[in-house]
Amino acid sequence: MKIGVICGDYWHPRKLIMDGLELLREHGYQLDYLQLASEWSQEWMAQYDAIVLAKSNELSAEDRSPWLTQEIQEGFRSYVEGGKGLLVLHAGTVGYRNEPIFYELIGGVFTHHPEACPVTITSTDEQLDVTAGVASFTVHDEHYFMETLDERIKVFLQSESEHGTQPAGWIREQGNGRVCVLTPGHFLHVLQLPEYQNALKRAINWVGAGQH
C-alpha cells in the first residue's frame, strides 16, 4: 500500500514522525513524506492509497502560520469522497477547529492536554475490523482532550488517565472513502510501541480499503 505522510511542525518534528512510522515498512507499506505545505497538491495526494496527516495547522517547524487553506480543505474532502483513506494521527487534530470543512471531515479536533502522564488505551468496540487484535496498553504520553461531532463518528478506542476519559480513536465514512483518527503518539516510544504499531496498521488497512 502506498502511503503519503504529511508531517512536521513546531511541537512534532518531522524526524520523530518518520522514526515512528518507518517500522511499518517491514510490513510492506511504502511511505513518502511531505513537510512543506508549498509541496502539497491534489495530484500529490492522488498517487497514494491513503494519507497520514501527523501535522498541526502550521506551515513548518520554523513558520507557524496556518497551512490549511480553503483549497486544501476541499482537496482532502474530494480525496476521501473519491474513495481514498485518511488517517489523522495525534498532531493532525491540532489547530483545525476553525477550518469547518476539515473539522467536519475528520469529526473532531484537539482542545488541550494536561502534562504528560500514564495513559491507558482500551477498545470500546471489539467487533469492528479496525480493532480486531488491538490490545489494551498503558503508556506515558500526552492525554489529548477532544471536541467531537458525536453524530458523525464511531469511537473504537478510549484513553483514560488521572485527568479523565476521552475518545482516542474513531472512524467515519464519507462518500466512497474512509477516515480514522488516532490521538496517542506525542513521543517516539509511543509510536514505536508494538501495541500501537498494531493499531496503526489496522487503521491504515481500514482506511485504505475504501471503494477506490
C-alpha atoms as a PDB file:
ATOM      1  CA  MET A   1       0.000   0.000   0.000  1.00  0.00           C
ATOM      2  CA  LYS A   2       1.303   3.453  -0.933  1.00  0.00           C
ATOM      3  CA  ILE A   3       1.044   5.934   1.927  1.00  0.00           C
ATOM      4  CA  GLY A   4       1.660   9.676   1.753  1.00  0.00           C
ATOM      5  CA  VAL A   5       2.639  11.149   5.136  1.00  0.00           C
ATOM      6  CA  ILE A   6       2.201  14.866   5.854  1.00  0.00           C
ATOM      7  CA  CYS A   7       4.185  15.812   8.957  1.00  0.00           C
ATOM      8  CA  GLY A   8       6.438  18.346  10.651  1.00  0.00           C
ATOM      9  CA  ASP A   9       5.503  21.241  12.956  1.00  0.00           C
ATOM     10  CA  TYR A  10       6.959  23.080  15.949  1.00  0.00           C
ATOM     11  CA  TRP A  11       5.947  20.530  18.600  1.00  0.00           C
ATOM     12  CA  HIS A  12       6.070  17.433  16.410  1.00  0.00           C
ATOM     13  CA  PRO A  13       9.321  17.265  14.399  1.00  0.00           C
ATOM     14  CA  ARG A  14       9.332  15.526  11.043  1.00  0.00           C
ATOM     15  CA  LYS A  15      12.121  13.168  12.135  1.00  0.00           C
ATOM     16  CA  LEU A  16      10.124  11.935  15.127  1.00  0.00           C
ATOM     17  CA  ILE A  17       7.165  11.029  12.930  1.00  0.00           C
ATOM     18  CA  MET A  18       9.412   9.376  10.353  1.00  0.00           C
ATOM     19  CA  ASP A  19      11.237   7.331  13.001  1.00  0.00           C
ATOM     20  CA  GLY A  20       7.901   6.299  14.496  1.00  0.00           C
ATOM     21  CA  LEU A  21       6.347   5.183  11.225  1.00  0.00           C
ATOM     22  CA  GLU A  22       9.356   3.653   9.483  1.00  0.00           C
ATOM     23  CA  LEU A  23       8.761   0.322  11.240  1.00  0.00           C
ATOM     24  CA  LEU A  24       5.692  -0.032   9.026  1.00  0.00           C
ATOM     25  CA  ARG A  25       7.967  -0.618   6.026  1.00  0.00           C
ATOM     26  CA  GLU A  26       8.733  -4.051   7.469  1.00  0.00           C
ATOM     27  CA  HIS A  27       5.096  -4.937   6.761  1.00  0.00           C
ATOM     28  CA  GLY A  28       5.125  -3.860   3.131  1.00  0.00           C
ATOM     29  CA  TYR A  29       3.914  -0.274   3.351  1.00  0.00           C
ATOM     30  CA  GLN A  30       5.546   2.267   1.049  1.00  0.00           C
ATOM     31  CA  LEU A  31       5.907   5.621   2.817  1.00  0.00           C
ATOM     32  CA  ASP A  32       6.613   9.007   1.238  1.00  0.00           C
ATOM     33  CA  TYR A  33       6.876  12.169   3.329  1.00  0.00           C
ATOM     34  CA  LEU A  34       5.819  15.750   2.724  1.00  0.00           C
ATOM     35  CA  GLN A  35       6.611  18.548   5.170  1.00  0.00           C
ATOM     36  CA  LEU A  36       6.227  21.876   3.403  1.00  0.00           C
ATOM     37  CA  ALA A  37       2.715  22.996   2.570  1.00  0.00           C
ATOM     38  CA  SER A  38       4.076  24.545  -0.625  1.00  0.00           C
ATOM     39  CA  GLU A  39       4.710  20.990  -1.880  1.00  0.00           C
ATOM     40  CA  TRP A  40       1.073  19.932  -1.434  1.00  0.00           C
ATOM     41  CA  SER A  41      -1.159  19.381  -4.421  1.00  0.00           C
ATOM     42  CA  GLN A  42      -4.235  17.372  -5.295  1.00  0.00           C
ATOM     43  CA  GLU A  43      -2.052  15.464  -7.749  1.00  0.00           C
ATOM     44  CA  TRP A  44       0.444  14.609  -4.997  1.00  0.00           C
ATOM     45  CA  MET A  45      -2.302  13.099  -2.820  1.00  0.00           C
ATOM     46  CA  ALA A  46      -3.937  11.245  -5.700  1.00  0.00           C
ATOM     47  CA  GLN A  47      -0.973   8.902  -6.147  1.00  0.00           C
ATOM     48  CA  TYR A  48      -1.499   7.340  -2.707  1.00  0.00           C
ATOM     49  CA  ASP A  49      -3.981   4.798  -1.371  1.00  0.00           C
ATOM     50  CA  ALA A  50      -4.093   6.651   1.929  1.00  0.00           C
ATOM     51  CA  ILE A  51      -2.761   9.813   3.548  1.00  0.00           C
ATOM     52  CA  VAL A  52      -1.457  10.004   7.122  1.00  0.00           C
ATOM     53  CA  LEU A  53      -1.773  13.536   8.498  1.00  0.00           C
ATOM     54  CA  ALA A  54       0.537  13.952  11.510  1.00  0.00           C
ATOM     55  CA  LYS A  55       0.945  17.722  11.293  1.00  0.00           C
ATOM     56  CA  SER A  56      -0.822  20.521  13.134  1.00  0.00           C
ATOM     57  CA  ASN A  57      -2.060  23.574  11.277  1.00  0.00           C
ATOM     58  CA  GLU A  58       1.422  25.084  10.872  1.00  0.00           C
ATOM     59  CA  LEU A  59       3.421  25.562   7.689  1.00  0.00           C
ATOM     60  CA  SER A  60       6.570  24.088   9.237  1.00  0.00           C
ATOM     61  CA  ALA A  61       8.589  23.861  12.450  1.00  0.00           C
ATOM     62  CA  GLU A  62      10.030  27.288  11.637  1.00  0.00           C
ATOM     63  CA  ASP A  63       6.913  29.014  10.269  1.00  0.00           C
ATOM     64  CA  ARG A  64       3.871  28.567  12.497  1.00  0.00           C
ATOM     65  CA  SER A  65       1.442  30.262  10.124  1.00  0.00           C
ATOM     66  CA  PRO A  66      -1.609  28.149   9.214  1.00  0.00           C
ATOM     67  CA  TRP A  67      -1.222  25.969   6.134  1.00  0.00           C
ATOM     68  CA  LEU A  68      -4.715  24.554   5.642  1.00  0.00           C
ATOM     69  CA  THR A  69      -6.300  26.806   3.043  1.00  0.00           C
ATOM     70  CA  GLN A  70      -9.823  26.519   1.681  1.00  0.00           C
ATOM     71  CA  GLU A  71      -8.385  24.828  -1.404  1.00  0.00           C
ATOM     72  CA  ILE A  72      -6.531  22.223   0.648  1.00  0.00           C
ATOM     73  CA  GLN A  73      -9.583  21.513   2.804  1.00  0.00           C
ATOM     74  CA  GLU A  74     -11.639  20.912  -0.316  1.00  0.00           C
ATOM     75  CA  GLY A  75      -8.812  18.771  -1.667  1.00  0.00           C
ATOM     76  CA  PHE A  76      -8.914  16.498   1.379  1.00  0.00           C
ATOM     77  CA  ARG A  77     -12.681  16.204   1.127  1.00  0.00           C
ATOM     78  CA  SER A  78     -12.537  15.296  -2.563  1.00  0.00           C
ATOM     79  CA  TYR A  79      -9.752  12.799  -1.904  1.00  0.00           C
ATOM     80  CA  VAL A  80     -11.810  10.962   0.724  1.00  0.00           C
ATOM     81  CA  GLU A  81     -15.138  11.177  -1.102  1.00  0.00           C
ATOM     82  CA  GLY A  82     -13.448   9.768  -4.185  1.00  0.00           C
ATOM     83  CA  GLY A  83     -12.652   6.537  -2.335  1.00  0.00           C
ATOM     84  CA  LYS A  84      -9.265   7.104  -0.669  1.00  0.00           C
ATOM     85  CA  GLY A  85      -8.286   6.853   3.004  1.00  0.00           C
ATOM     86  CA  LEU A  86      -7.222   9.421   5.584  1.00  0.00           C
ATOM     87  CA  LEU A  87      -5.572   8.572   8.917  1.00  0.00           C
ATOM     88  CA  VAL A  88      -5.294  11.593  11.208  1.00  0.00           C
ATOM     89  CA  LEU A  89      -2.597  10.947  13.789  1.00  0.00           C
ATOM     90  CA  HIS A  90      -2.103  12.925  17.023  1.00  0.00           C
ATOM     91  CA  ALA A  91      -0.852  16.345  15.836  1.00  0.00           C
ATOM     92  CA  GLY A  92      -3.154  16.086  12.826  1.00  0.00           C
ATOM     93  CA  THR A  93      -6.041  17.092  15.097  1.00  0.00           C
ATOM     94  CA  VAL A  94      -4.385  20.304  16.368  1.00  0.00           C
ATOM     95  CA  GLY A  95      -5.309  23.792  15.184  1.00  0.00           C
ATOM     96  CA  TYR A  96      -8.177  22.840  12.880  1.00  0.00           C
ATOM     97  CA  ARG A  97     -11.168  23.920  14.979  1.00  0.00           C
ATOM     98  CA  ASN A  98     -11.859  26.941  12.772  1.00  0.00           C
ATOM     99  CA  GLU A  99     -11.495  25.044   9.490  1.00  0.00           C
ATOM    100  CA  PRO A 100     -15.092  23.821   9.055  1.00  0.00           C
ATOM    101  CA  ILE A 101     -14.706  21.583   6.011  1.00  0.00           C
ATOM    102  CA  PHE A 102     -11.783  19.713   7.541  1.00  0.00           C
ATOM    103  CA  TYR A 103     -13.288  19.642  11.047  1.00  0.00           C
ATOM    104  CA  GLU A 104     -16.441  18.012   9.699  1.00  0.00           C
ATOM    105  CA  LEU A 105     -14.416  15.613   7.548  1.00  0.00           C
ATOM    106  CA  ILE A 106     -12.373  14.234  10.451  1.00  0.00           C
ATOM    107  CA  GLY A 107     -15.151  14.506  13.029  1.00  0.00           C
ATOM    108  CA  GLY A 108     -13.238  16.040  15.915  1.00  0.00           C
ATOM    109  CA  VAL A 109     -10.343  18.236  16.987  1.00  0.00           C
ATOM    110  CA  PHE A 110      -7.867  18.676  19.827  1.00  0.00           C
ATOM    111  CA  THR A 111      -8.696  21.167  22.581  1.00  0.00           C
ATOM    112  CA  HIS A 112      -5.950  20.731  25.222  1.00  0.00           C
ATOM    113  CA  HIS A 113      -3.827  18.256  27.162  1.00  0.00           C
ATOM    114  CA  PRO A 114      -2.507  18.112  30.731  1.00  0.00           C
ATOM    115  CA  GLU A 115       1.149  17.409  31.439  1.00  0.00           C
ATOM    116  CA  ALA A 116       2.216  14.041  30.024  1.00  0.00           C
ATOM    117  CA  CYS A 117       1.240  11.158  32.298  1.00  0.00           C
ATOM    118  CA  PRO A 118       0.364   7.441  32.212  1.00  0.00           C
ATOM    119  CA  VAL A 119      -2.478   6.956  29.727  1.00  0.00           C
ATOM    120  CA  THR A 120      -4.365   3.689  29.251  1.00  0.00           C
ATOM    121  CA  ILE A 121      -5.793   2.918  25.816  1.00  0.00           C
ATOM    122  CA  THR A 122      -8.617   0.386  25.582  1.00  0.00           C
ATOM    123  CA  SER A 123     -11.005  -0.801  22.887  1.00  0.00           C
ATOM    124  CA  THR A 124     -14.646   0.223  23.136  1.00  0.00           C
ATOM    125  CA  ASP A 125     -15.899  -1.919  20.238  1.00  0.00           C
ATOM    126  CA  GLU A 126     -14.006  -5.121  19.518  1.00  0.00           C
ATOM    127  CA  GLN A 127     -16.439  -6.139  16.772  1.00  0.00           C
ATOM    128  CA  LEU A 128     -15.017  -3.624  14.278  1.00  0.00           C
ATOM    129  CA  ASP A 129     -12.405  -4.692  11.745  1.00  0.00           C
ATOM    130  CA  VAL A 130     -10.231  -1.751  12.752  1.00  0.00           C
ATOM    131  CA  THR A 131      -9.938  -3.018  16.350  1.00  0.00           C
ATOM    132  CA  ALA A 132      -9.514  -6.737  15.751  1.00  0.00           C
ATOM    133  CA  GLY A 133      -6.364  -7.840  17.565  1.00  0.00           C
ATOM    134  CA  VAL A 134      -5.657  -4.415  19.098  1.00  0.00           C
ATOM    135  CA  ALA A 135      -4.654  -4.983  22.729  1.00  0.00           C
ATOM    136  CA  SER A 136      -5.077  -2.525  25.593  1.00  0.00           C
ATOM    137  CA  PHE A 137      -1.927  -0.788  26.779  1.00  0.00           C
ATOM    138  CA  THR A 138      -0.700   1.894  29.171  1.00  0.00           C
ATOM    139  CA  VAL A 139       1.994   4.349  28.126  1.00  0.00           C
ATOM    140  CA  HIS A 140       3.462   7.704  29.202  1.00  0.00           C
ATOM    141  CA  ASP A 141       2.012  10.171  26.710  1.00  0.00           C
ATOM    142  CA  GLU A 142       0.114  13.399  26.296  1.00  0.00           C
ATOM    143  CA  HIS A 143      -3.534  12.763  27.110  1.00  0.00           C
ATOM    144  CA  TYR A 144      -5.394  14.552  24.341  1.00  0.00           C
ATOM    145  CA  PHE A 145      -8.777  16.058  25.178  1.00  0.00           C
ATOM    146  CA  MET A 146     -11.021  16.309  22.148  1.00  0.00           C
ATOM    147  CA  GLU A 147     -14.071  18.159  20.868  1.00  0.00           C
ATOM    148  CA  THR A 148     -16.011  15.753  18.661  1.00  0.00           C
ATOM    149  CA  LEU A 149     -19.018  15.769  16.383  1.00  0.00           C
ATOM    150  CA  ASP A 150     -20.518  12.707  18.032  1.00  0.00           C
ATOM    151  CA  GLU A 151     -23.209  12.116  15.419  1.00  0.00           C
ATOM    152  CA  ARG A 152     -20.533  11.836  12.724  1.00  0.00           C
ATOM    153  CA  ILE A 153     -18.124   9.378  14.344  1.00  0.00           C
ATOM    154  CA  LYS A 154     -17.896   5.837  15.714  1.00  0.00           C
ATOM    155  CA  VAL A 155     -15.466   5.652  18.647  1.00  0.00           C
ATOM    156  CA  PHE A 156     -13.468   2.417  18.938  1.00  0.00           C
ATOM    157  CA  LEU A 157     -10.673   3.396  21.347  1.00  0.00           C
ATOM    158  CA  GLN A 158     -10.757   5.397  24.543  1.00  0.00           C
ATOM    159  CA  SER A 159      -7.968   6.936  26.605  1.00  0.00           C
ATOM    160  CA  GLU A 160      -8.022   7.172  30.388  1.00  0.00           C
ATOM    161  CA  SER A 161      -5.716   8.880  32.874  1.00  0.00           C
ATOM    162  CA  GLU A 162      -5.965  10.575  36.241  1.00  0.00           C
ATOM    163  CA  HIS A 163      -7.463  13.513  34.331  1.00  0.00           C
ATOM    164  CA  GLY A 164     -10.442  11.649  32.893  1.00  0.00           C
ATOM    165  CA  THR A 165     -11.590   9.649  29.873  1.00  0.00           C
ATOM    166  CA  GLN A 166     -11.537  10.739  26.246  1.00  0.00           C
ATOM    167  CA  PRO A 167     -12.107   9.250  22.777  1.00  0.00           C
ATOM    168  CA  ALA A 168      -8.705   8.095  21.485  1.00  0.00           C
ATOM    169  CA  GLY A 169      -9.707   6.537  18.187  1.00  0.00           C
ATOM    170  CA  TRP A 170     -12.693   6.829  15.895  1.00  0.00           C
ATOM    171  CA  ILE A 171     -13.750   6.104  12.338  1.00  0.00           C
ATOM    172  CA  ARG A 172     -16.175   7.565   9.854  1.00  0.00           C
ATOM    173  CA  GLU A 173     -17.016   7.225   6.178  1.00  0.00           C
ATOM    174  CA  GLN A 174     -17.754   9.982   3.700  1.00  0.00           C
ATOM    175  CA  GLY A 175     -18.623   9.412   0.078  1.00  0.00           C
ATOM    176  CA  ASN A 176     -16.656   6.349  -1.022  1.00  0.00           C
ATOM    177  CA  GLY A 177     -13.762   6.928   1.367  1.00  0.00           C
ATOM    178  CA  ARG A 178     -12.830   6.401   4.985  1.00  0.00           C
ATOM    179  CA  VAL A 179     -11.352   8.465   7.813  1.00  0.00           C
ATOM    180  CA  CYS A 180      -9.730   7.260  11.027  1.00  0.00           C
ATOM    181  CA  VAL A 181      -8.405   9.391  13.889  1.00  0.00           C
ATOM    182  CA  LEU A 182      -5.878   8.194  16.495  1.00  0.00           C
ATOM    183  CA  THR A 183      -4.917  10.653  19.240  1.00  0.00           C
ATOM    184  CA  PRO A 184      -1.933   8.980  21.018  1.00  0.00           C
ATOM    185  CA  GLY A 185       1.614   9.443  19.771  1.00  0.00           C
ATOM    186  CA  HIS A 186       3.446  12.519  21.060  1.00  0.00           C
ATOM    187  CA  PHE A 187       6.628  10.619  21.916  1.00  0.00           C
ATOM    188  CA  LEU A 188       8.700   8.227  19.819  1.00  0.00           C
ATOM    189  CA  HIS A 189       8.346   5.431  22.373  1.00  0.00           C
ATOM    190  CA  VAL A 190       4.554   5.641  21.942  1.00  0.00           C
ATOM    191  CA  LEU A 191       4.698   5.458  18.152  1.00  0.00           C
ATOM    192  CA  GLN A 192       7.110   2.515  18.305  1.00  0.00           C
ATOM    193  CA  LEU A 193       5.209   0.577  20.978  1.00  0.00           C
ATOM    194  CA  PRO A 194       4.264  -2.786  19.422  1.00  0.00           C
ATOM    195  CA  GLU A 195       0.658  -2.487  20.582  1.00  0.00           C
ATOM    196  CA  TYR A 196       0.352   0.938  18.993  1.00  0.00           C
ATOM    197  CA  GLN A 197       2.127  -0.153  15.834  1.00  0.00           C
ATOM    198  CA  ASN A 198      -0.562  -2.805  15.542  1.00  0.00           C
ATOM    199  CA  ALA A 199      -3.263  -0.163  15.965  1.00  0.00           C
ATOM    200  CA  LEU A 200      -1.595   1.977  13.282  1.00  0.00           C
ATOM    201  CA  LYS A 201      -1.515  -0.951  10.855  1.00  0.00           C
ATOM    202  CA  ARG A 202      -5.160  -1.782  11.491  1.00  0.00           C
ATOM    203  CA  ALA A 203      -6.121   1.860  10.968  1.00  0.00           C
ATOM    204  CA  ILE A 204      -4.157   2.215   7.719  1.00  0.00           C
ATOM    205  CA  ASN A 205      -5.573  -1.044   6.379  1.00  0.00           C
ATOM    206  CA  TRP A 206      -9.094   0.063   7.240  1.00  0.00           C
ATOM    207  CA  VAL A 207      -8.926   3.498   5.648  1.00  0.00           C
ATOM    208  CA  GLY A 208      -7.098   2.068   2.634  1.00  0.00           C
ATOM    209  CA  ALA A 209      -9.892  -0.391   1.946  1.00  0.00           C
ATOM    210  CA  GLY A 210     -12.391   2.181   0.708  1.00  0.00           C
ATOM    211  CA  GLN A 211     -14.113   1.931  -2.665  1.00  0.00           C
ATOM    212  CA  HIS A 212     -11.295   3.193  -4.886  1.00  0.00           C
END
